[in-house]
């Protein structure tokens, strides 16, 4: 990069499109189907820029549309590869629009798409690693592994919710006189894939398929509400297989469930050749949420839908489950960290998203670049980070221990009192899964009410996804019905804290502890920074002795797994 030249991600691709009448619906607003075509094109070009070969769309994560776009306005789309895995990569997409007359710009949506590189002879090919440069790139790179984990767990999350919850069989407080049989909303439409619909590889363009799906979903939604609906949310396009020029695509859509002010439409796509109609291939599916806006732009009431027996009732219950998952996911993940309550209620339906939020919050803190060395004693270093109203600190040291050993020892809060004098005890109250545990922690610190402080903490741990990634142990407060506040203690909360552990050489491991300091920690941090206390050094040296003492024991335990 030449001196003075601004850095630009080598995978970044930008597209700007002037919205013309041919791109719009009856209201003069940009068709979501057209927008999806532009999004997919931009993202694909970014993926191919990194891979150096043709790429195909594997999936597109949930998209929340914040604004509509009118004729004469300009759509700006920016896409760049966040992380490359073995043969797939995550591409982050940002969509905004601008008014040419006023010069103002607004965000429309943010999306994440997964693309797979296609080799010429062997099909999937191994991708080169991506090296993030800026703070934003490091953050997206790190959290991409968490988003990938969440995608893979989505189906299991839905099954768990349906198993452990009683989904309603009919809408509460609905107008029983305004009920529409779901069958009346069913739409089937066939499309012949022609050369203009194919990409440069001869496969049907993913954006085109998404546009056709949005079209049939809109028709189905219109048949329920007898109005022109507005698409607000798309839940994950999942491409199960390709289709080619000459294929017939059968698109099916039906309203699965309606809620007070919204409805979910399920869409699936099957492909077949002319001579093989009986052997259709399921190639794509998605769920879309529509609303009907009144003259003031507010959502109107939606008629109730009556599902058909069997599959219709199953789709009805699953739609209710997906709505809860969407609300949990949007509430926990989409909000800024400072706008989410410290202690979010934990339950089966949101466990995946709380775990994601826990780990991604810590990884975001780790990716910050403006840490300042505040003090150092005997190679134990304390760094601080001042941001808005938060003061975060990081303490790190290098030890002669295997990273895996340190990871397992530090992730078990039941042993922390052996080296951290701030901990009185920690009880495991719920083993969520192999990587997530909930503890009730009692602190040695006494509150203003002269009571010991206690915490309910979700501990989420992650092994490295790729070479060079750290082991991660993240902590955050949650609320748990089985562990309510006790009059003996003063309930406190922790926002974001945890360990990152890097294997630096065969013998040496760097251990870093991070904490986005809550008010109760500020005195501790500032006293150490000012040199009035060396408590951080004493605590970490005790941690070092604990790790050295127990590393052989944990090695035996790992060998027996």
Protein backbone atom coordinates (compact mmCIF):
# COMPACT_ATOMS: atom_id res chain seq x y z
CA UNK A 1 0.00 0.00 0.00
CA UNK A 2 1.46 3.37 -1.05
CA UNK A 3 2.19 5.99 1.62
CA UNK A 4 -0.93 8.04 2.34
CA UNK A 5 -3.19 5.55 0.55
CA UNK A 6 -6.18 4.49 2.65
CA UNK A 7 -6.35 0.78 3.46
CA UNK A 8 -9.08 -1.18 1.70
CA UNK A 9 -9.92 -4.82 2.25
CA UNK A 10 -8.74 -6.76 -0.85
CA UNK A 11 -11.99 -8.77 -0.91
CA UNK A 12 -14.25 -5.72 -0.69
CA UNK A 13 -16.73 -5.21 -3.53
CA UNK A 14 -19.09 -2.26 -3.81
CA UNK A 15 -22.21 -1.89 -5.95
CA UNK A 16 -24.34 1.22 -6.41
CA UNK A 17 -27.66 1.05 -8.23
CA UNK A 18 -30.11 3.82 -9.13
CA UNK A 19 -33.64 2.58 -8.43
CA UNK A 20 -35.69 2.81 -11.63
CA UNK A 21 -39.43 2.16 -12.14
CA UNK A 22 -38.64 -1.31 -13.55
CA UNK A 23 -37.13 -2.26 -10.17
CA UNK A 24 -40.16 -1.34 -8.07
CA UNK A 25 -43.50 -2.68 -6.90
CA UNK A 26 -46.94 -1.07 -7.15
CA UNK A 27 -46.02 1.45 -4.40
CA UNK A 28 -42.97 2.71 -6.26
CA UNK A 29 -40.68 1.01 -3.71
CA UNK A 30 -37.71 -1.17 -4.60
CA UNK A 31 -38.79 -4.80 -4.86
CA UNK A 32 -37.12 -6.92 -2.17
CA UNK A 33 -36.59 -9.58 -4.84
CA UNK A 34 -34.55 -7.14 -6.91
CA UNK A 35 -32.57 -6.10 -3.84
CA UNK A 36 -31.81 -9.76 -3.08
CA UNK A 37 -30.42 -10.17 -6.61
CA UNK A 38 -28.06 -7.23 -6.10
CA UNK A 39 -27.04 -8.46 -2.64
CA UNK A 40 -26.24 -11.96 -3.91
CA UNK A 41 -24.29 -10.64 -6.90
CA UNK A 42 -22.13 -8.34 -4.78
CA UNK A 43 -21.48 -11.02 -2.17
CA UNK A 44 -20.59 -13.62 -4.81
CA UNK A 45 -18.08 -11.29 -6.49
CA UNK A 46 -16.44 -10.67 -3.11
CA UNK A 47 -16.22 -14.42 -2.41
CA UNK A 48 -14.73 -15.09 -5.85
CA UNK A 49 -12.21 -12.29 -5.40
CA UNK A 50 -10.84 -14.15 -2.37
CA UNK A 51 -11.20 -17.69 -3.72
CA UNK A 52 -9.91 -16.97 -7.22
CA UNK A 53 -12.45 -19.39 -8.62
CA UNK A 54 -16.24 -19.69 -9.10
CA UNK A 55 -18.32 -19.73 -5.91
CA UNK A 56 -21.92 -20.70 -5.18
CA UNK A 57 -24.30 -19.46 -2.50
CA UNK A 58 -24.77 -22.00 0.30
CA UNK A 59 -26.96 -19.94 2.64
CA UNK A 60 -27.98 -16.43 3.61
CA UNK A 61 -28.62 -15.66 7.28
CA UNK A 62 -31.62 -13.79 8.66
CA UNK A 63 -32.20 -10.37 7.12
CA UNK A 64 -34.16 -7.60 8.88
CA UNK A 65 -35.26 -4.80 6.55
CA UNK A 66 -35.29 -1.45 8.36
CA UNK A 67 -36.44 0.82 5.51
CA UNK A 68 -38.06 0.73 2.10
CA UNK A 69 -36.35 2.40 -0.88
CA UNK A 70 -38.13 4.58 -3.44
CA UNK A 71 -37.69 5.32 -7.15
CA UNK A 72 -34.86 7.76 -7.78
CA UNK A 73 -32.88 6.80 -4.70
CA UNK A 74 -29.52 5.02 -4.84
CA UNK A 75 -28.81 1.64 -3.25
CA UNK A 76 -25.25 1.14 -1.99
CA UNK A 77 -24.09 -2.41 -1.25
CA UNK A 78 -20.73 -3.29 0.27
CA UNK A 79 -19.55 -6.89 0.68
CA UNK A 80 -16.31 -8.38 2.00
CA UNK A 81 -15.14 -11.80 3.15
CA UNK A 82 -15.06 -11.95 6.96
CA UNK A 83 -13.46 -15.36 7.29
CA UNK A 84 -12.51 -18.36 5.15
CA UNK A 85 -12.88 -21.87 6.53
CA UNK A 86 -11.91 -25.04 4.63
CA UNK A 87 -14.02 -24.75 1.47
CA UNK A 88 -16.60 -22.18 2.62
CA UNK A 89 -16.39 -18.54 3.60
CA UNK A 90 -18.61 -16.01 5.33
CA UNK A 91 -19.28 -12.79 3.45
CA UNK A 92 -20.59 -9.78 5.34
CA UNK A 93 -22.95 -7.46 3.43
CA UNK A 94 -24.05 -3.94 4.36
CA UNK A 95 -26.88 -2.25 2.45
CA UNK A 96 -27.71 1.45 2.67
CA UNK A 97 -29.50 3.92 0.46
CA UNK A 98 -29.07 7.61 -0.22
CA UNK A 99 -31.30 10.41 -1.37
CA UNK A 100 -29.48 12.27 -4.16
CA UNK A 101 -31.31 15.52 -3.49
CA UNK A 102 -30.65 15.80 0.25
CA UNK A 103 -27.46 13.73 0.39
CA UNK A 104 -28.75 11.83 3.42
CA UNK A 105 -28.06 8.11 3.86
CA UNK A 106 -29.90 5.40 5.80
CA UNK A 107 -29.07 1.79 6.69
CA UNK A 108 -31.37 -0.80 5.13
CA UNK A 109 -30.04 -4.13 6.37
CA UNK A 110 -26.99 -6.15 7.27
CA UNK A 111 -26.60 -9.72 6.11
CA UNK A 112 -24.19 -12.63 6.26
CA UNK A 113 -23.95 -15.14 3.41
CA UNK A 114 -22.00 -18.38 3.17
CA UNK A 115 -20.35 -19.26 -0.15
CA UNK A 116 -18.60 -22.43 -1.24
CA UNK A 117 -15.66 -22.39 -3.64
CA UNK A 118 -16.01 -24.70 -6.64
CA UNK A 119 -12.85 -26.22 -8.12
CA UNK A 120 -12.74 -27.19 -11.79
CA UNK A 121 -12.17 -30.91 -11.37
CA UNK A 122 -12.63 -31.87 -7.72
CA UNK A 123 -15.71 -29.83 -6.82
CA UNK A 124 -15.10 -28.12 -3.47
CA UNK A 125 -11.62 -26.68 -3.04
CA UNK A 126 -9.62 -25.64 0.01
CA UNK A 127 -9.50 -21.89 0.53
CA UNK A 128 -6.49 -19.79 1.48
CA UNK A 129 -6.58 -18.26 4.94
CA UNK A 130 -7.68 -14.68 5.44
CA UNK A 131 -5.56 -12.37 7.59
CA UNK A 132 -7.61 -9.56 9.15
CA UNK A 133 -5.89 -6.18 9.44
CA UNK A 134 -8.18 -3.61 11.08
CA UNK A 135 -9.98 -3.80 14.41
CA UNK A 136 -13.31 -4.28 12.64
CA UNK A 137 -11.92 -7.06 10.45
CA UNK A 138 -10.41 -8.86 13.47
CA UNK A 139 -13.73 -8.65 15.29
CA UNK A 140 -15.75 -9.99 12.33
CA UNK A 141 -13.13 -12.69 11.70
CA UNK A 142 -13.32 -13.89 15.29
CA UNK A 143 -17.11 -13.80 15.61
CA UNK A 144 -17.62 -15.50 12.21
CA UNK A 145 -16.74 -18.80 13.89
CA UNK A 146 -19.53 -18.21 16.43
CA UNK A 147 -22.06 -17.39 13.71
CA UNK A 148 -21.08 -20.58 11.89
CA UNK A 149 -21.62 -22.56 15.07
CA UNK A 150 -25.04 -20.94 15.53
CA UNK A 151 -26.11 -21.77 11.95
CA UNK A 152 -25.27 -25.42 12.46
CA UNK A 153 -27.22 -25.49 15.74
CA UNK A 154 -30.36 -23.79 14.39
CA UNK A 155 -32.26 -26.96 13.50
CA UNK A 156 -31.52 -28.51 16.89
CA UNK A 157 -32.63 -25.31 18.63
CA UNK A 158 -36.01 -25.50 16.87
CA UNK A 159 -36.43 -29.18 17.75
CA UNK A 160 -35.55 -28.53 21.40
CA UNK A 161 -38.09 -25.73 21.66
CA UNK A 162 -40.85 -27.86 20.14
CA UNK A 163 -39.93 -30.71 22.48
CA UNK A 164 -39.72 -28.72 25.71
CA UNK A 165 -42.47 -26.15 25.09
CA UNK A 166 -46.18 -26.31 24.44
CA UNK A 167 -46.79 -24.33 21.27
CA UNK A 168 -50.30 -22.79 20.93
CA UNK A 169 -52.73 -24.50 18.57
CA UNK A 170 -54.63 -21.28 17.92
CA UNK A 171 -54.02 -17.57 18.24
CA UNK A 172 -55.04 -15.99 21.50
CA UNK A 173 -57.29 -12.93 21.53
CA UNK A 174 -58.00 -13.28 17.82
CA UNK A 175 -61.17 -12.47 15.94
CA UNK A 176 -62.77 -15.89 15.53
CA UNK A 177 -65.07 -14.46 12.85
CA UNK A 178 -62.10 -13.54 10.69
CA UNK A 179 -60.43 -16.90 10.13
CA UNK A 180 -58.93 -17.92 6.79
CA UNK A 181 -58.08 -21.57 6.01
CA UNK A 182 -54.38 -21.85 5.30
CA UNK A 183 -55.12 -23.76 2.09
CA UNK A 184 -56.63 -20.60 0.59
CA UNK A 185 -53.22 -18.93 0.78
CA UNK A 186 -51.35 -21.72 -1.01
CA UNK A 187 -49.42 -20.68 -4.13
CA UNK A 188 -47.64 -22.84 -6.69
CA UNK A 189 -45.71 -21.34 -9.55
CA UNK A 190 -43.30 -22.85 -12.07
CA UNK A 191 -40.34 -21.05 -13.61
CA UNK A 192 -38.26 -22.23 -16.56
CA UNK A 193 -34.57 -21.50 -16.02
CA UNK A 194 -33.27 -19.68 -19.11
CA UNK A 195 -29.74 -18.44 -19.91
CA UNK A 196 -30.43 -14.92 -18.52
CA UNK A 197 -31.29 -16.57 -15.17
CA UNK A 198 -27.94 -18.40 -14.94
CA UNK A 199 -24.67 -17.17 -13.54
CA UNK A 200 -21.27 -17.40 -15.21
CA UNK A 201 -21.02 -21.06 -14.13
CA UNK A 202 -24.24 -22.17 -15.83
CA UNK A 203 -26.09 -22.65 -12.51
CA UNK A 204 -29.28 -20.79 -11.70
CA UNK A 205 -28.31 -17.49 -10.13
CA UNK A 206 -28.98 -17.69 -6.37
CA UNK A 207 -30.32 -14.14 -6.30
CA UNK A 208 -32.81 -15.02 -9.02
CA UNK A 209 -34.13 -17.97 -7.03
CA UNK A 210 -34.49 -15.76 -3.95
CA UNK A 211 -36.39 -13.17 -6.01
CA UNK A 212 -38.81 -15.81 -7.30
CA UNK A 213 -39.31 -17.06 -3.75
CA UNK A 214 -40.10 -13.56 -2.51
CA UNK A 215 -42.66 -13.19 -5.31
CA UNK A 216 -44.68 -16.31 -4.45
CA UNK A 217 -44.42 -15.56 -0.72
CA UNK A 218 -45.88 -12.09 -1.31
CA UNK A 219 -48.81 -13.60 -3.23
CA UNK A 220 -49.52 -16.07 -0.42
CA UNK A 221 -49.42 -13.29 2.18
CA UNK A 222 -51.77 -11.15 0.05
CA UNK A 223 -54.31 -13.97 -0.12
CA UNK A 224 -54.58 -13.93 3.69
CA UNK A 225 -54.81 -10.19 4.29
CA UNK A 226 -56.35 -9.07 0.94
CA UNK A 227 -53.88 -6.19 0.89
CA UNK A 228 -50.36 -5.46 -0.28
CA UNK A 229 -48.00 -6.78 2.42
CA UNK A 230 -44.50 -5.55 3.25
CA UNK A 231 -41.68 -8.01 3.78
CA UNK A 232 -39.89 -7.32 7.10
CA UNK A 233 -37.77 -10.40 7.81
CA UNK A 234 -36.29 -13.35 5.94
CA UNK A 235 -35.14 -16.31 7.96
CA UNK A 236 -32.14 -18.02 6.38
CA UNK A 237 -32.17 -19.05 2.74
CA UNK A 238 -30.63 -22.52 2.66
CA UNK A 239 -29.48 -23.81 -0.74
CA UNK A 240 -29.54 -27.60 -0.67
CA UNK A 241 -28.36 -28.13 -4.23
CA UNK A 242 -27.86 -26.41 -7.60
CA UNK A 243 -30.11 -26.13 -10.64
CA UNK A 244 -29.15 -25.43 -14.23
CA UNK A 245 -30.46 -23.86 -17.41
CA UNK A 246 -33.34 -25.98 -18.68
CA UNK A 247 -34.53 -26.96 -15.21
CA UNK A 248 -38.11 -26.29 -14.16
CA UNK A 249 -38.37 -24.77 -10.70
CA UNK A 250 -41.59 -25.39 -8.80
CA UNK A 251 -42.05 -22.74 -6.11
CA UNK A 252 -44.53 -23.43 -3.31
CA UNK A 253 -45.67 -20.95 -0.68
CA UNK A 254 -48.27 -21.01 2.10
CA UNK A 255 -49.03 -18.93 5.19
CA UNK A 256 -47.89 -21.10 8.09
CA UNK A 257 -49.21 -18.93 10.90
CA UNK A 258 -50.48 -15.43 11.56
CA UNK A 259 -49.90 -13.35 14.65
CA UNK A 260 -51.45 -10.11 15.78
CA UNK A 261 -49.62 -7.85 13.32
CA UNK A 262 -47.55 -10.23 11.24
CA UNK A 263 -47.62 -13.54 9.38
CA UNK A 264 -45.05 -16.16 8.47
CA UNK A 265 -44.96 -17.57 4.94
CA UNK A 266 -43.04 -20.75 4.21
CA UNK A 267 -41.50 -21.16 0.75
CA UNK A 268 -39.78 -24.17 -0.81
CA UNK A 269 -38.28 -24.71 -4.25
CA UNK A 270 -38.09 -28.00 -6.13
CA UNK A 271 -36.21 -28.54 -9.38
CA UNK A 272 -36.76 -31.10 -12.12
CA UNK A 273 -35.95 -31.69 -15.78
CA UNK A 274 -38.73 -31.89 -18.38
CA UNK A 275 -38.47 -35.64 -18.67
CA UNK A 276 -38.14 -36.27 -14.92
CA UNK A 277 -41.01 -34.42 -13.25
CA UNK A 278 -41.64 -37.29 -10.86
CA UNK A 279 -38.12 -37.01 -9.36
CA UNK A 280 -38.08 -33.46 -8.03
CA UNK A 281 -35.12 -32.18 -6.05
CA UNK A 282 -35.68 -29.93 -3.03
CA UNK A 283 -33.11 -27.18 -3.62
CA UNK A 284 -34.11 -24.29 -1.35
CA UNK A 285 -36.38 -23.18 1.46
CA UNK A 286 -36.97 -20.06 3.55
CA UNK A 287 -39.45 -18.43 5.92
CA UNK A 288 -40.56 -14.83 5.41
CA UNK A 289 -42.39 -12.52 7.80
CA UNK A 290 -44.80 -9.95 6.36
CA UNK A 291 -46.75 -7.05 7.83
CA UNK A 292 -49.50 -4.86 6.40
CA UNK A 293 -48.90 -1.15 6.95
CA UNK A 294 -51.71 1.40 7.31
CA UNK A 295 -51.62 4.97 5.97
CA UNK A 296 -49.50 6.08 8.96
CA UNK A 297 -47.01 3.28 8.31
CA UNK A 298 -48.08 1.26 11.35
CA UNK A 299 -48.71 -2.52 11.25
CA UNK A 300 -52.39 -3.48 10.87
CA UNK A 301 -54.18 -6.45 12.42
CA UNK A 302 -53.82 -9.72 10.47
CA UNK A 303 -56.66 -12.25 10.04
CA UNK A 304 -56.29 -15.55 11.85
CA UNK A 305 -55.23 -18.57 9.83
CA UNK A 306 -56.63 -22.07 10.32
CA UNK A 307 -54.05 -24.76 9.55
CA UNK A 308 -54.96 -27.97 7.81
CA UNK A 309 -54.65 -31.18 9.79
CA UNK A 310 -51.31 -32.99 9.79
CA UNK A 311 -48.50 -31.07 8.08
CA UNK A 312 -50.41 -27.80 8.37
CA UNK A 313 -50.61 -28.10 12.16
CA UNK A 314 -46.92 -28.99 12.29
CA UNK A 315 -46.03 -25.90 10.23
CA UNK A 316 -48.30 -23.81 12.46
CA UNK A 317 -46.50 -24.90 15.65
CA UNK A 318 -43.05 -24.53 14.07
CA UNK A 319 -43.92 -20.99 12.97
CA UNK A 320 -44.71 -20.09 16.60
CA UNK A 321 -41.41 -21.61 17.68
CA UNK A 322 -39.51 -19.73 14.98
CA UNK A 323 -41.12 -16.47 16.07
CA UNK A 324 -39.89 -16.99 19.63
CA UNK A 325 -36.43 -17.88 18.35
CA UNK A 326 -36.40 -14.75 16.14
CA UNK A 327 -37.38 -12.55 19.08
CA UNK A 328 -34.73 -14.13 21.30
CA UNK A 329 -32.09 -13.84 18.60
CA UNK A 330 -32.94 -10.24 17.73
CA UNK A 331 -33.14 -9.23 21.39
CA UNK A 332 -29.91 -10.92 22.46
CA UNK A 333 -27.77 -10.64 19.34
CA UNK A 334 -28.91 -7.74 17.18
CA UNK A 335 -28.97 -5.11 19.94
CA UNK A 336 -25.87 -3.20 20.89
CA UNK A 337 -24.10 -4.63 23.91
CA UNK A 338 -24.90 -1.53 25.99
CA UNK A 339 -28.62 -1.84 25.26
CA UNK A 340 -28.99 -5.44 26.43
CA UNK A 341 -29.71 -5.96 30.13
CA UNK A 342 -26.76 -7.52 31.90
CA UNK A 343 -28.74 -10.51 33.13
CA UNK A 344 -30.84 -11.98 30.35
CA UNK A 345 -33.20 -14.81 31.39
CA UNK A 346 -31.78 -18.18 30.32
CA UNK A 347 -34.03 -20.92 28.92
CA UNK A 348 -33.87 -23.79 26.43
CA UNK A 349 -35.01 -21.68 23.49
CA UNK A 350 -32.36 -18.97 23.79
CA UNK A 351 -29.40 -20.99 25.09
CA UNK A 352 -27.62 -20.98 21.71
CA UNK A 353 -27.98 -17.22 21.30
CA UNK A 354 -26.94 -16.40 24.87
CA UNK A 355 -23.85 -18.55 24.36
CA UNK A 356 -23.18 -16.75 21.07
CA UNK A 357 -23.60 -13.35 22.72
CA UNK A 358 -21.37 -14.36 25.60
CA UNK A 359 -18.46 -15.48 23.41
CA UNK A 360 -18.85 -12.79 20.73
CA UNK A 361 -18.89 -10.01 23.36
CA UNK A 362 -15.56 -11.24 24.71
CA UNK A 363 -14.10 -11.66 21.22
CA UNK A 364 -15.18 -8.11 20.38
CA UNK A 365 -13.35 -6.84 23.45
CA UNK A 366 -10.25 -8.87 22.53
CA UNK A 367 -10.21 -7.41 19.01
CA UNK A 368 -9.96 -3.82 20.27
CA UNK A 369 -6.67 -2.22 19.26
CA UNK A 370 -6.37 0.77 21.60
CA UNK A 371 -5.34 -1.08 24.77
CA UNK A 372 -2.81 0.87 26.86
CA UNK A 373 -0.22 -0.73 29.14
CA UNK A 374 -1.03 0.63 32.61
CA UNK A 375 1.39 -1.25 34.84
CA UNK A 376 3.72 -4.27 34.82
CA UNK A 377 5.23 -6.29 37.66
CA UNK A 378 7.55 -9.23 36.98
CA UNK A 379 6.16 -9.85 33.46
CA UNK A 380 2.53 -9.73 34.61
CA UNK A 381 1.02 -6.90 32.59
CA UNK A 382 -2.16 -4.90 33.13
CA UNK A 383 -3.71 -3.03 30.19
CA UNK A 384 -6.70 -0.67 30.19
CA UNK A 385 -9.21 0.40 27.57
CA UNK A 386 -11.38 3.49 28.05
CA UNK A 387 -14.45 3.54 25.83
CA UNK A 388 -17.57 5.67 26.34
CA UNK A 389 -18.71 4.98 29.91
CA UNK A 390 -16.82 1.69 30.30
CA UNK A 391 -13.36 1.00 31.63
CA UNK A 392 -12.08 -2.42 30.61
CA UNK A 393 -8.91 -4.10 31.78
CA UNK A 394 -6.75 -6.96 30.56
CA UNK A 395 -4.20 -8.89 32.58
CA UNK A 396 -1.80 -11.26 30.85
CA UNK A 397 1.23 -13.40 31.46
CA UNK A 398 3.14 -16.17 29.69
CA UNK A 399 3.38 -19.56 31.38
CA UNK A 400 5.16 -22.84 30.87
CA UNK A 401 2.01 -24.92 30.40
CA UNK A 402 0.05 -26.46 27.54
CA UNK A 403 -2.86 -24.26 26.35
CA UNK A 404 -5.31 -27.16 26.54
CA UNK A 405 -4.43 -27.76 30.18
CA UNK A 406 -4.91 -24.10 31.07
CA UNK A 407 -8.19 -24.02 29.14
CA UNK A 408 -9.81 -26.85 31.08
CA UNK A 409 -8.51 -25.68 34.46
CA UNK A 410 -9.64 -22.06 34.03
CA UNK A 411 -13.04 -22.93 32.57
CA UNK A 412 -14.16 -24.73 35.77
CA UNK A 413 -15.29 -21.98 38.15
CA UNK A 414 -15.59 -24.50 40.98
CA UNK A 415 -11.79 -24.38 41.30
CA UNK A 416 -11.34 -20.65 41.01
CA UNK A 417 -11.45 -20.01 44.77
CA UNK A 418 -8.16 -21.91 44.99
CA UNK A 419 -6.34 -19.01 43.34
CA UNK A 420 -8.70 -16.01 43.24
CA UNK A 421 -9.26 -14.58 46.71
CA UNK A 422 -12.35 -12.70 45.45
CA UNK A 423 -14.18 -16.03 45.06
CA UNK A 424 -15.62 -17.75 48.13
CA UNK A 425 -17.35 -20.60 46.27
CA UNK A 426 -18.88 -21.60 42.93
CA UNK A 427 -21.58 -24.21 42.50
CA UNK A 428 -22.52 -25.76 39.15
CA UNK A 429 -26.29 -25.31 38.98
CA UNK A 430 -26.87 -26.33 35.35
CA UNK A 431 -24.76 -28.22 32.82
CA UNK A 432 -26.25 -26.82 29.60
CA UNK A 433 -24.04 -28.86 27.27
CA UNK A 434 -20.40 -29.77 26.83
CA UNK A 435 -19.35 -26.15 26.30
CA UNK A 436 -21.80 -24.14 28.42
CA UNK A 437 -22.32 -24.24 32.19
CA UNK A 438 -24.23 -22.04 34.63
CA UNK A 439 -22.68 -21.40 38.06
CA UNK A 440 -23.86 -19.74 41.26
CA UNK A 441 -20.83 -17.79 42.50
CA UNK A 442 -20.47 -16.33 45.98
CA UNK A 443 -17.89 -13.57 46.33
CA UNK A 444 -15.68 -12.63 49.26
CA UNK A 445 -16.53 -9.00 48.54
CA UNK A 446 -19.09 -7.45 50.87
CA UNK A 447 -21.75 -5.08 49.55
CA UNK A 448 -22.92 -1.79 51.08
CA UNK A 449 -25.66 -3.80 52.79
CA UNK A 450 -22.86 -5.71 54.57
CA UNK A 451 -23.76 -8.92 52.73
CA UNK A 452 -21.60 -11.14 50.52
CA UNK A 453 -22.14 -10.54 46.81
CA UNK A 454 -23.34 -13.37 44.58
CA UNK A 455 -23.62 -13.93 40.82
CA UNK A 456 -25.35 -16.32 38.43
CA UNK A 457 -22.81 -16.75 35.63
CA UNK A 458 -22.99 -18.45 32.24
CA UNK A 459 -19.57 -19.86 31.34
CA UNK A 460 -19.14 -20.58 27.62
CA UNK A 461 -15.95 -22.16 26.35
CA UNK A 462 -14.62 -22.67 22.83
CA UNK A 463 -11.69 -24.59 21.43
CA UNK A 464 -9.75 -23.03 18.52
CA UNK A 465 -11.51 -23.14 15.16
CA UNK A 466 -8.30 -22.71 13.15
CA UNK A 467 -4.57 -22.63 13.83
CA UNK A 468 -3.71 -19.38 15.57
CA UNK A 469 -7.11 -19.01 17.23
CA UNK A 470 -7.16 -18.86 21.03
CA UNK A 471 -8.99 -21.07 23.49
CA UNK A 472 -11.85 -18.95 24.84
CA UNK A 473 -13.68 -19.02 28.18
CA UNK A 474 -16.36 -16.31 28.39
CA UNK A 475 -18.45 -15.26 31.39
CA UNK A 476 -21.65 -13.20 31.63
CA UNK A 477 -24.54 -12.86 34.05
CA UNK A 478 -27.88 -14.57 33.40
CA UNK A 479 -31.02 -15.08 35.43
CA UNK A 480 -32.24 -18.57 36.21
CA UNK A 481 -35.62 -19.42 37.79
CA UNK A 482 -34.00 -22.20 39.81
CA UNK A 483 -31.49 -19.76 41.31
CA UNK A 484 -33.42 -16.64 42.43
CA UNK A 485 -31.87 -13.86 44.57
CA UNK A 486 -31.30 -14.88 48.17
CA UNK A 487 -31.71 -12.51 51.13
CA UNK A 488 -28.34 -13.70 52.46
CA UNK A 489 -26.55 -12.14 49.48
CA UNK A 490 -26.56 -9.01 47.35
CA UNK A 491 -27.08 -10.11 43.72
CA UNK A 492 -24.51 -8.55 41.36
CA UNK A 493 -23.89 -8.81 37.63
CA UNK A 494 -20.96 -9.14 35.28
CA UNK A 495 -21.27 -7.79 31.76
CA UNK A 496 -18.38 -9.32 29.87
CA UNK A 497 -15.29 -11.11 31.14
CA UNK A 498 -13.22 -14.19 30.45
CA UNK A 499 -9.96 -15.78 29.35
CA UNK A 500 -8.24 -16.08 25.99
CA UNK A 501 -5.44 -18.62 25.88
CA UNK A 502 -2.88 -18.79 23.06
CA UNK A 503 -0.34 -21.59 22.50
CA UNK A 504 2.70 -19.47 21.57
CA UNK A 505 5.34 -22.23 21.38
CA UNK A 506 5.45 -25.93 22.16
CA UNK A 507 6.23 -25.07 25.79
CA UNK A 508 4.80 -21.57 26.36
CA UNK A 509 1.20 -20.34 26.59
CA UNK A 510 -0.08 -16.79 26.89
CA UNK A 511 -3.03 -16.41 29.26
CA UNK A 512 -5.05 -13.17 29.08
CA UNK A 513 -7.95 -12.24 31.34
CA UNK A 514 -10.42 -9.58 30.15
CA UNK A 515 -13.09 -7.72 32.09
CA UNK A 516 -15.43 -4.97 30.96
CA UNK A 517 -15.58 -3.47 34.41
CA UNK A 518 -18.91 -3.12 36.14
CA UNK A 519 -19.11 -0.37 38.81
CA UNK A 520 -18.17 -2.83 41.56
CA UNK A 521 -14.80 -3.46 39.88
CA UNK A 522 -13.82 0.17 39.22
CA UNK A 523 -12.15 0.72 42.59
CA UNK A 524 -10.11 -2.46 42.08
CA UNK A 525 -8.97 -1.37 38.61
CA UNK A 526 -8.14 2.24 39.41
CA UNK A 527 -6.27 1.32 42.62
CA UNK A 528 -4.04 -1.08 40.68
CA UNK A 529 -3.51 1.39 37.84
CA UNK A 530 -2.48 4.13 40.27
CA UNK A 531 0.07 1.80 41.84
CA UNK A 532 -1.66 1.85 45.22
CA UNK A 533 -2.14 -1.91 45.05
CA UNK A 534 -0.51 -4.91 43.38
CA UNK A 535 -3.54 -7.12 43.87
CA UNK A 536 -3.73 -8.02 40.17
CA UNK A 537 -0.14 -9.32 40.33
CA UNK A 538 -0.75 -11.34 43.49
CA UNK A 539 -3.92 -12.88 42.02
CA UNK A 540 -2.32 -13.84 38.71
CA UNK A 541 0.75 -15.28 40.40
CA UNK A 542 -1.61 -17.41 42.47
CA UNK A 543 -3.28 -18.45 39.21
CA UNK A 544 0.13 -19.45 37.82
CA UNK A 545 0.87 -21.61 40.88
CA UNK A 546 -2.59 -23.21 40.61
CA UNK A 547 -2.05 -24.08 36.94
CA UNK A 548 1.42 -25.51 37.53
CA UNK A 549 0.18 -27.57 40.48
CA UNK A 550 -2.80 -29.08 38.66
CA UNK A 551 -1.54 -29.42 35.06
CA UNK A 552 -0.40 -33.02 35.48
CA UNK A 553 -3.75 -34.00 36.99
CA UNK A 554 -5.69 -32.45 34.11
CA UNK A 555 -3.37 -34.18 31.60
CA UNK A 556 -4.32 -37.57 33.03
CA UNK A 557 -7.99 -36.60 32.88
CA UNK A 558 -7.70 -35.55 29.22
CA UNK A 559 -5.98 -38.81 28.30
CA UNK A 560 -8.86 -40.75 29.84
CA UNK A 561 -11.51 -38.90 27.80
